[in-house]
Protein backbone atom coordinates (compact mmCIF):
# COMPACT_ATOMS: atom_id res chain seq x y z
CA MET A 1 3.53 -9.68 -36.32
CA ASN A 2 4.31 -7.45 -33.26
CA ILE A 3 5.22 -10.41 -30.68
CA PRO A 4 5.31 -9.02 -27.05
CA PHE A 5 7.33 -11.55 -25.74
CA ASP A 6 10.73 -12.91 -25.95
CA SER A 7 9.71 -15.75 -28.92
CA ASP A 8 13.24 -17.09 -29.52
CA LYS A 9 13.39 -17.71 -25.84
CA LEU A 10 10.17 -19.16 -25.33
CA ASP A 11 11.41 -21.42 -28.46
CA LEU A 12 14.20 -22.33 -26.45
CA LEU A 13 12.76 -23.69 -23.46
CA LEU A 14 10.40 -25.38 -25.45
CA ASP A 15 13.00 -27.33 -27.44
CA LYS A 16 14.71 -28.13 -24.13
CA ALA A 17 11.83 -29.41 -22.73
CA GLY A 18 11.18 -31.60 -26.10
CA ILE A 19 7.50 -29.71 -26.61
CA ASP A 20 6.63 -29.01 -30.05
CA VAL A 21 3.34 -27.19 -29.85
CA LEU A 22 2.55 -25.13 -26.54
CA VAL A 23 -1.61 -24.94 -25.87
CA VAL A 24 -1.73 -22.29 -22.57
CA THR A 25 -5.22 -21.94 -20.71
CA SER A 26 -3.94 -20.22 -17.53
CA LYS A 27 -5.38 -16.78 -17.59
CA HIS A 28 -1.63 -15.26 -16.26
CA ASN A 29 0.28 -17.24 -18.61
CA ILE A 30 -2.28 -15.90 -21.54
CA GLN A 31 -2.13 -12.26 -19.98
CA TYR A 32 1.91 -12.51 -20.66
CA LEU A 33 1.92 -13.97 -24.36
CA LEU A 34 -1.09 -11.56 -25.43
CA GLY A 35 1.53 -8.27 -23.97
CA GLY A 36 -1.03 -7.60 -20.83
CA TYR A 37 -4.62 -8.83 -22.26
CA ARG A 38 -6.81 -10.22 -19.60
CA TYR A 39 -10.82 -10.61 -20.37
CA PHE A 40 -12.01 -7.85 -17.72
CA PHE A 41 -15.77 -9.96 -17.90
CA PHE A 42 -14.18 -13.23 -16.50
CA ASP A 43 -11.12 -11.65 -14.45
CA ARG A 44 -12.48 -12.56 -10.88
CA MET A 45 -14.77 -15.46 -12.11
CA ASP A 46 -14.58 -18.61 -14.37
CA ALA A 47 -18.10 -20.28 -14.11
CA ILE A 48 -20.87 -19.33 -16.92
CA GLY A 49 -23.58 -20.94 -17.48
CA GLN A 50 -22.79 -25.09 -17.45
CA SER A 51 -19.00 -24.83 -18.09
CA ARG A 52 -16.33 -21.91 -17.88
CA TYR A 53 -14.70 -19.88 -19.46
CA LEU A 54 -11.49 -20.88 -20.93
CA PRO A 55 -8.95 -18.60 -22.89
CA VAL A 56 -6.47 -20.66 -25.33
CA LEU A 57 -3.29 -20.22 -27.30
CA VAL A 58 -1.69 -21.93 -29.35
CA TYR A 59 1.92 -21.81 -30.20
CA PRO A 60 3.64 -24.13 -32.53
CA ARG A 61 7.18 -23.44 -31.60
CA SER A 62 9.88 -21.61 -33.86
CA ASP A 63 6.52 -20.79 -36.14
CA PRO A 64 5.08 -17.89 -34.59
CA SER A 65 2.92 -17.50 -38.31
CA LYS A 66 0.90 -20.68 -37.25
CA ALA A 67 0.02 -19.12 -33.68
CA ALA A 68 -3.76 -18.78 -32.81
CA TYR A 69 -5.85 -17.16 -29.79
CA LEU A 70 -8.85 -18.95 -29.14
CA GLY A 71 -11.34 -17.01 -26.97
CA ASN A 72 -15.20 -16.25 -25.54
CA VAL A 73 -17.83 -15.18 -27.77
CA MET A 74 -17.91 -11.52 -26.45
CA GLU A 75 -14.28 -11.17 -26.90
CA ARG A 76 -14.41 -9.98 -30.26
CA PHE A 77 -14.73 -6.83 -29.29
CA GLU A 78 -11.54 -6.34 -27.56
CA ASN A 79 -10.36 -7.92 -30.71
CA ASP A 80 -12.18 -5.42 -32.50
CA VAL A 81 -10.72 -2.16 -30.23
CA ALA A 82 -6.65 -3.98 -30.00
CA PRO A 83 -6.25 -7.06 -32.34
CA PHE A 84 -4.52 -9.80 -31.05
CA TRP A 85 -0.96 -10.67 -32.33
CA THR A 86 -1.73 -14.20 -33.01
CA PRO A 87 -2.53 -14.36 -36.87
CA GLU A 88 -5.50 -17.13 -35.91
CA VAL A 89 -8.19 -15.28 -33.82
CA GLN A 90 -11.13 -17.32 -33.31
CA THR A 91 -13.77 -15.76 -30.39
CA GLY A 92 -17.03 -18.12 -30.90
CA PHE A 93 -17.08 -20.17 -27.18
CA TRP A 94 -18.67 -20.18 -24.29
CA GLY A 95 -17.13 -23.26 -22.48
CA THR A 96 -13.92 -25.41 -22.13
CA LEU A 97 -15.72 -28.54 -24.86
CA ASP A 98 -16.52 -26.19 -27.66
CA THR A 99 -13.27 -24.49 -26.98
CA ILE A 100 -11.21 -27.48 -26.64
CA ALA A 101 -12.87 -28.97 -29.61
CA ALA A 102 -12.14 -26.46 -31.67
CA VAL A 103 -8.46 -26.18 -30.49
CA ALA A 104 -8.13 -29.67 -31.68
CA ASP A 105 -9.25 -28.74 -35.18
CA TYR A 106 -6.77 -26.01 -35.33
CA ILE A 107 -3.68 -27.97 -34.85
CA ARG A 108 -4.79 -30.97 -37.05
CA ARG A 109 -5.51 -28.02 -39.37
CA ILE A 110 -1.49 -26.88 -39.16
CA GLY A 111 -0.23 -30.18 -39.10
CA ALA A 112 0.37 -30.90 -35.73
CA SER A 113 -1.90 -33.45 -34.42
CA GLY A 114 0.83 -36.06 -33.97
CA LYS A 115 2.93 -33.48 -32.09
CA ARG A 116 4.62 -33.36 -28.40
CA ILE A 117 1.77 -31.15 -26.78
CA GLY A 118 2.58 -29.04 -23.83
CA VAL A 119 0.01 -28.04 -21.67
CA GLU A 120 -0.61 -26.49 -18.25
CA THR A 121 -1.83 -29.74 -16.06
CA GLY A 122 -3.03 -27.65 -13.54
CA PHE A 123 -4.75 -25.02 -15.29
CA LEU A 124 -6.58 -27.15 -18.03
CA PRO A 125 -10.12 -28.48 -17.16
CA ALA A 126 -10.69 -32.56 -16.40
CA ASP A 127 -13.46 -32.15 -19.25
CA ALA A 128 -11.65 -30.10 -21.84
CA TYR A 129 -7.87 -32.57 -21.20
CA VAL A 130 -9.97 -35.74 -21.33
CA ALA A 131 -11.41 -34.25 -25.29
CA LEU A 132 -8.25 -32.90 -26.13
CA LYS A 133 -6.84 -36.52 -25.90
CA ALA A 134 -9.27 -38.28 -26.95
CA SER A 135 -9.20 -35.77 -30.28
CA LEU A 136 -5.75 -35.99 -30.93
CA GLY A 137 -5.19 -39.40 -30.00
CA ASP A 138 -1.57 -39.69 -31.68
CA ALA A 139 0.10 -36.66 -29.57
CA LYS A 140 2.27 -36.92 -26.56
CA PHE A 141 1.30 -34.82 -23.78
CA GLN A 142 3.68 -33.13 -20.96
CA ASP A 143 3.44 -30.48 -18.23
CA ALA A 144 4.53 -27.12 -20.00
CA ARG A 145 4.33 -25.13 -16.39
CA ALA A 146 8.27 -24.76 -16.55
CA PRO A 147 8.92 -23.17 -19.67
CA LEU A 148 6.43 -20.79 -19.07
CA ASP A 149 7.58 -20.37 -15.39
CA TYR A 150 11.34 -19.54 -16.97
CA LEU A 151 9.83 -17.22 -19.64
CA ARG A 152 8.73 -15.34 -17.39
CA ALA A 153 11.09 -15.09 -14.58
CA VAL A 154 13.54 -12.10 -15.27
CA LYS A 155 10.73 -8.96 -16.01
CA THR A 156 10.92 -6.33 -18.73
CA ALA A 157 10.70 -2.48 -17.91
CA THR A 158 7.58 -2.44 -18.04
CA GLU A 159 6.90 -5.21 -15.88
CA LEU A 160 9.09 -3.96 -13.26
CA GLU A 161 7.22 -0.61 -12.78
CA TYR A 162 4.13 -2.44 -12.79
CA MET A 163 5.46 -4.15 -9.46
CA ARG A 164 7.12 -1.30 -8.16
CA GLU A 165 4.12 0.32 -8.68
CA ALA A 166 1.77 -2.76 -6.84
CA SER A 167 4.41 -2.88 -3.65
CA GLU A 168 4.29 1.13 -3.41
CA ARG A 169 0.66 1.60 -3.25
CA VAL A 170 0.41 -1.63 -0.81
CA VAL A 171 2.53 -0.21 1.47
CA ASP A 172 1.44 3.57 1.36
CA SER A 173 -2.42 1.72 2.30
CA MET A 174 -1.21 -0.11 5.31
CA LEU A 175 0.68 3.24 6.54
CA ALA A 176 -2.82 4.71 5.78
CA VAL A 177 -4.75 2.52 7.38
CA PHE A 178 -2.68 2.12 10.84
CA ALA A 179 -2.25 6.12 11.02
CA SER A 180 -6.57 6.55 10.85
CA HIS A 181 -7.45 3.73 13.30
CA GLY A 182 -7.44 3.60 16.83
CA PRO A 183 -7.82 1.86 20.76
CA GLY A 184 -11.28 -0.38 20.19
CA THR A 185 -11.24 -0.78 16.02
CA PRO A 186 -12.14 -4.54 15.28
CA LYS A 187 -9.94 -6.60 12.83
CA ARG A 188 -12.48 -6.77 10.02
CA ASP A 189 -12.97 -3.10 10.14
CA LEU A 190 -9.00 -2.92 9.66
CA VAL A 191 -9.01 -5.15 6.82
CA ALA A 192 -12.25 -3.49 4.97
CA ALA A 193 -10.18 -0.29 5.56
CA LEU A 194 -7.25 -1.77 3.52
CA CYS A 195 -9.28 -3.36 1.10
CA ARG A 196 -10.55 0.57 0.30
CA GLU A 197 -6.94 2.52 0.59
CA GLU A 198 -5.52 -0.31 -1.99
CA GLN A 199 -9.30 0.25 -4.32
CA GLU A 200 -8.51 3.81 -4.29
CA ARG A 201 -5.02 3.19 -4.87
CA GLY A 202 -6.17 1.63 -8.52
CA LEU A 203 -4.88 -1.75 -6.85
CA ILE A 204 -6.88 -4.93 -7.00
CA PHE A 205 -7.21 -6.05 -3.34
CA GLU A 206 -6.72 -10.02 -3.03
CA TYR A 207 -6.04 -10.55 0.47
CA CYS A 208 -5.11 -9.52 4.00
CA LEU A 209 -3.83 -11.86 6.54
CA PRO A 210 -4.11 -9.35 9.75
CA THR A 211 -2.78 -10.00 13.42
CA LEU A 212 -3.68 -8.28 16.60
CA GLY A 213 -1.77 -8.19 19.92
CA PRO A 214 -0.49 -11.73 21.40
CA SER A 215 -3.11 -13.88 18.52
CA LEU A 216 -0.79 -15.75 16.05
CA ASN A 217 -4.31 -15.99 14.21
CA ARG A 218 -4.23 -14.27 11.06
CA SER A 219 -8.03 -14.61 10.21
CA PRO A 220 -9.39 -11.52 9.49
CA VAL A 221 -12.80 -12.31 11.15
CA GLU A 222 -10.84 -13.16 14.44
CA ASP A 223 -12.84 -11.70 17.69
CA ARG A 224 -10.41 -9.01 18.31
CA THR A 225 -9.83 -5.69 18.59
CA TRP A 226 -6.57 -3.24 18.32
CA GLU A 227 -5.43 -1.82 21.98
CA VAL A 228 -2.99 0.48 22.98
CA GLY A 229 0.50 -0.98 23.28
CA GLN A 230 -0.16 -3.70 20.74
CA PRO A 231 1.35 -4.55 17.31
CA MET A 232 -0.86 -5.16 14.45
CA SER A 233 0.77 -6.72 11.39
CA LEU A 234 -0.88 -6.33 7.88
CA ASP A 235 0.29 -8.98 5.16
CA SER A 236 -1.33 -7.81 2.38
CA GLY A 237 -1.46 -8.90 -1.73
CA ALA A 238 -2.87 -6.53 -4.47
CA ASN A 239 -2.34 -6.49 -7.58
CA TYR A 240 -1.70 -4.06 -10.09
CA HIS A 241 -2.21 -4.99 -14.41
CA GLY A 242 -1.70 -8.55 -13.01
CA TYR A 243 1.40 -8.07 -10.99
CA ILE A 244 1.28 -8.60 -7.33
CA GLY A 245 2.28 -6.37 -4.58
CA ASP A 246 2.85 -8.64 -1.67
CA LEU A 247 4.16 -6.91 1.90
CA CYS A 248 4.03 -7.19 5.33
CA ARG A 249 4.41 -3.83 7.68
CA MET A 250 3.91 -3.63 11.41
CA GLY A 251 1.91 -1.42 13.39
CA LEU A 252 1.66 -0.12 16.87
CA LEU A 253 -1.13 2.04 19.33
CA GLY A 254 1.47 3.72 21.67
CA GLN A 255 5.40 4.53 21.86
CA PRO A 256 7.30 0.83 21.30
CA ASP A 257 8.66 -0.51 24.49
CA ALA A 258 12.31 -1.97 24.61
CA GLU A 259 11.82 -5.36 24.02
CA LEU A 260 9.36 -4.60 20.86
CA ASP A 261 12.20 -2.82 19.64
CA ASP A 262 14.28 -5.47 19.93
CA LEU A 263 12.21 -7.84 18.48
CA LEU A 264 11.46 -5.80 15.22
CA GLY A 265 15.16 -5.00 14.99
CA GLU A 266 15.94 -9.14 15.28
CA VAL A 267 13.66 -9.38 12.09
CA LEU A 268 15.21 -6.68 10.54
CA VAL A 269 18.42 -7.97 10.67
CA VAL A 270 17.50 -11.16 9.18
CA GLN A 271 16.10 -9.22 6.37
CA ASP A 272 18.79 -7.23 5.50
CA ALA A 273 21.51 -10.26 6.41
CA ALA A 274 19.82 -12.08 3.58
CA LEU A 275 19.58 -9.03 0.84
CA ASP A 276 23.22 -8.37 1.03
CA PHE A 277 23.31 -11.40 -0.33
CA VAL A 278 20.98 -10.71 -3.87
CA LYS A 279 22.69 -9.57 -6.86
CA ASN A 280 23.28 -10.08 -10.26
CA GLY A 281 25.08 -13.68 -10.36
CA ALA A 282 25.08 -14.37 -6.86
CA ARG A 283 23.76 -18.06 -6.47
CA GLY A 284 20.17 -17.73 -5.29
CA GLY A 285 20.32 -20.38 -2.41
CA ASP A 286 22.93 -17.81 -0.66
CA ILE A 287 20.21 -15.26 0.38
CA PHE A 288 19.65 -18.36 3.14
CA LEU A 289 23.00 -18.65 4.08
CA GLY A 290 22.73 -14.71 5.08
CA ALA A 291 19.45 -14.98 7.30
CA LYS A 292 21.11 -18.40 8.69
CA GLU A 293 24.17 -16.82 9.91
CA ALA A 294 21.89 -13.23 11.36
CA LEU A 295 20.04 -15.75 12.82
CA LYS A 296 22.93 -17.33 14.67
CA ALA A 297 23.40 -14.60 16.98
CA SER A 298 19.37 -13.95 17.40
CA PRO A 299 18.26 -14.69 20.60
CA ASN A 300 14.99 -15.83 19.45
CA ARG A 301 16.28 -17.94 16.39
CA ASP A 302 13.65 -21.13 17.23
CA ILE A 303 10.67 -18.77 16.82
CA ILE A 304 11.85 -16.95 13.84
CA HIS A 305 11.24 -18.30 10.37
CA PHE A 306 12.83 -16.70 7.12
CA VAL A 307 11.74 -17.48 3.22
CA ALA A 308 12.37 -16.01 -0.07
CA HIS A 309 11.48 -16.68 -3.21
CA GLY A 310 10.31 -15.38 -6.70
CA VAL A 311 7.19 -12.87 -7.48
CA GLY A 312 5.35 -11.57 -10.64
CA LEU A 313 2.18 -12.28 -12.24
CA VAL A 314 2.04 -15.38 -9.45
CA SER A 315 2.93 -15.46 -5.78
CA HIS A 316 5.69 -18.01 -5.57
CA GLU A 317 7.38 -18.01 -9.15
CA VAL A 318 10.94 -18.52 -10.68
CA PRO A 319 13.29 -18.43 -8.65
CA HIS A 320 12.81 -21.52 -6.37
CA LEU A 321 15.36 -20.85 -4.23
CA THR A 322 14.08 -23.27 -1.04
CA ASP A 323 12.21 -26.75 -0.29
CA SER A 324 11.43 -26.36 3.23
CA GLY A 325 9.09 -22.78 2.46
CA PRO A 326 5.39 -22.44 3.93
CA VAL A 327 4.56 -23.15 0.00
CA PRO A 328 5.95 -26.94 -1.29
CA TYR A 329 7.73 -27.38 -4.18
CA PRO A 330 11.51 -28.05 -5.16
CA ALA A 331 14.49 -26.02 -4.97
CA THR A 332 15.33 -25.82 -8.38
CA ASP A 333 17.01 -22.46 -8.57
CA ALA A 334 19.22 -22.51 -5.66
CA ALA A 335 21.86 -23.72 -6.85
CA ALA A 336 21.57 -21.11 -9.98
CA PRO A 337 22.73 -17.62 -10.37
CA LEU A 338 20.13 -14.90 -9.77
CA THR A 339 19.41 -12.59 -13.02
CA SER A 340 18.53 -8.99 -13.04
CA GLY A 341 15.16 -7.83 -13.59
CA MET A 342 14.06 -10.88 -11.29
CA VAL A 343 11.95 -9.61 -8.34
CA LEU A 344 11.77 -11.34 -4.75
CA SER A 345 9.79 -11.44 -2.11
CA VAL A 346 11.86 -11.53 1.40
CA GLU A 347 10.07 -12.59 4.66
CA THR A 348 10.69 -13.05 8.05
CA THR A 349 8.65 -14.16 10.65
CA MET A 350 8.77 -14.44 14.27
CA LEU A 351 5.97 -16.00 16.65
CA HIS A 352 6.65 -14.19 19.73
CA PRO A 353 4.26 -16.46 22.92
CA ARG A 354 3.43 -13.24 24.52
CA ARG A 355 4.26 -10.18 22.03
CA GLY A 356 2.79 -11.83 18.99
CA PHE A 357 2.79 -12.26 15.47
CA ILE A 358 5.96 -9.36 14.55
CA LYS A 359 6.78 -9.95 10.82
CA LEU A 360 8.90 -8.21 7.28
CA GLU A 361 8.16 -8.93 4.24
CA ASP A 362 10.12 -7.02 1.25
CA THR A 363 9.89 -7.22 -2.10
CA VAL A 364 13.34 -5.94 -4.18
CA ALA A 365 14.36 -6.25 -7.71
CA VAL A 366 17.45 -7.96 -8.72
CA THR A 367 20.28 -5.36 -10.00
CA PRO A 368 23.86 -5.51 -11.50
CA GLU A 369 25.05 -4.17 -8.52
CA GLY A 370 22.74 -5.86 -5.37
CA TYR A 371 18.43 -4.87 -5.07
CA GLU A 372 16.24 -2.30 -5.18
CA PHE A 373 13.29 -1.87 -2.65
CA PHE A 374 9.95 -2.03 -4.22
CA GLY A 375 7.84 -0.27 -1.31
CA GLY A 376 10.55 0.10 1.13
CA ALA A 377 9.14 2.39 3.39
CA GLY A 378 7.36 1.63 6.62
CA ARG A 379 9.87 -1.44 7.82
CA GLY A 380 9.98 -0.25 11.49
CA TRP A 381 7.02 0.37 13.87
CA ASN A 382 4.21 2.47 12.29
CA PRO A 383 2.02 4.56 14.90
CA GLY A 384 -1.66 4.32 14.90
CA LYS A 385 -3.98 6.70 16.08
CA VAL A 386 -3.93 7.41 19.66
């Protein structure tokens, strides 16, 4: 049995959380536990007929010989080509209730019906959760998000390569858009061009939050065009084998004036000061101390915002370093050490009332000596086509 993840680590995490049987239903964690598999037919949608796709992986703690994968009817073809590692595979389902009924039957069959069951409460449909609790009435249910998050926190060599490719291809796409577009280009055309560039590089385009000129509006359909002397920000996420590349780079039509050079310079100083605190064994929350110290000397510190967070299969994943960022969650890892193989997104944003939105977002992997940039090109002003 070739288990594609660290089962010993998962067993320890489940034991610490007090979970006997894990029931996984999120597509990202299914992908992780199945060694990279995500069923293509439902990759971008879940709804079908009168219900939805619900893949389920059942993992009894310390007994992977009783693990099972339950999927859609058509996934039998995938299993024929590349068999799933789980000893039990059932691919006979179309919706939530037929799938979860089979899950309950399987849990009873392996003698775990009265155990402590961990479910992904944020990724388990209400009808399936109600049905599972009713069918396994003597079981105790709790959320299993945390052990799964920490299982994924340190990336494997393959994951790091996926993230490197995602990041570098996103940045290359941005630089291509800057270089090939000029005055009068509508914002929506710039976003459409970025989507094409990312797709041509083998990425799945997820989103772009663009700004043009003095406007702070990040909608891709704002009625605005790129003009000479105006900065443009492209903040985009695209994935490669499910791993997100999420970076921001700045473009400019014409040469930057002294003020624009200074403004982006301030952002760059904060970024680099924060990155100085990134290395294996360093306290995660100290990244913010580095940024805070740099901001003290910044003339525009009152309009600059800084955040750092983990990234991987999920945007904003472990390590969770702050409880005051744009995405709300507790800073559970601020006092914990960074570990080689973690990947971080580091973001500094200036909201300037006259010159507009100026931002750098970098992706770095934690190493024993410090960090390694993924997609480190283009951190200055990138010229447009004039």
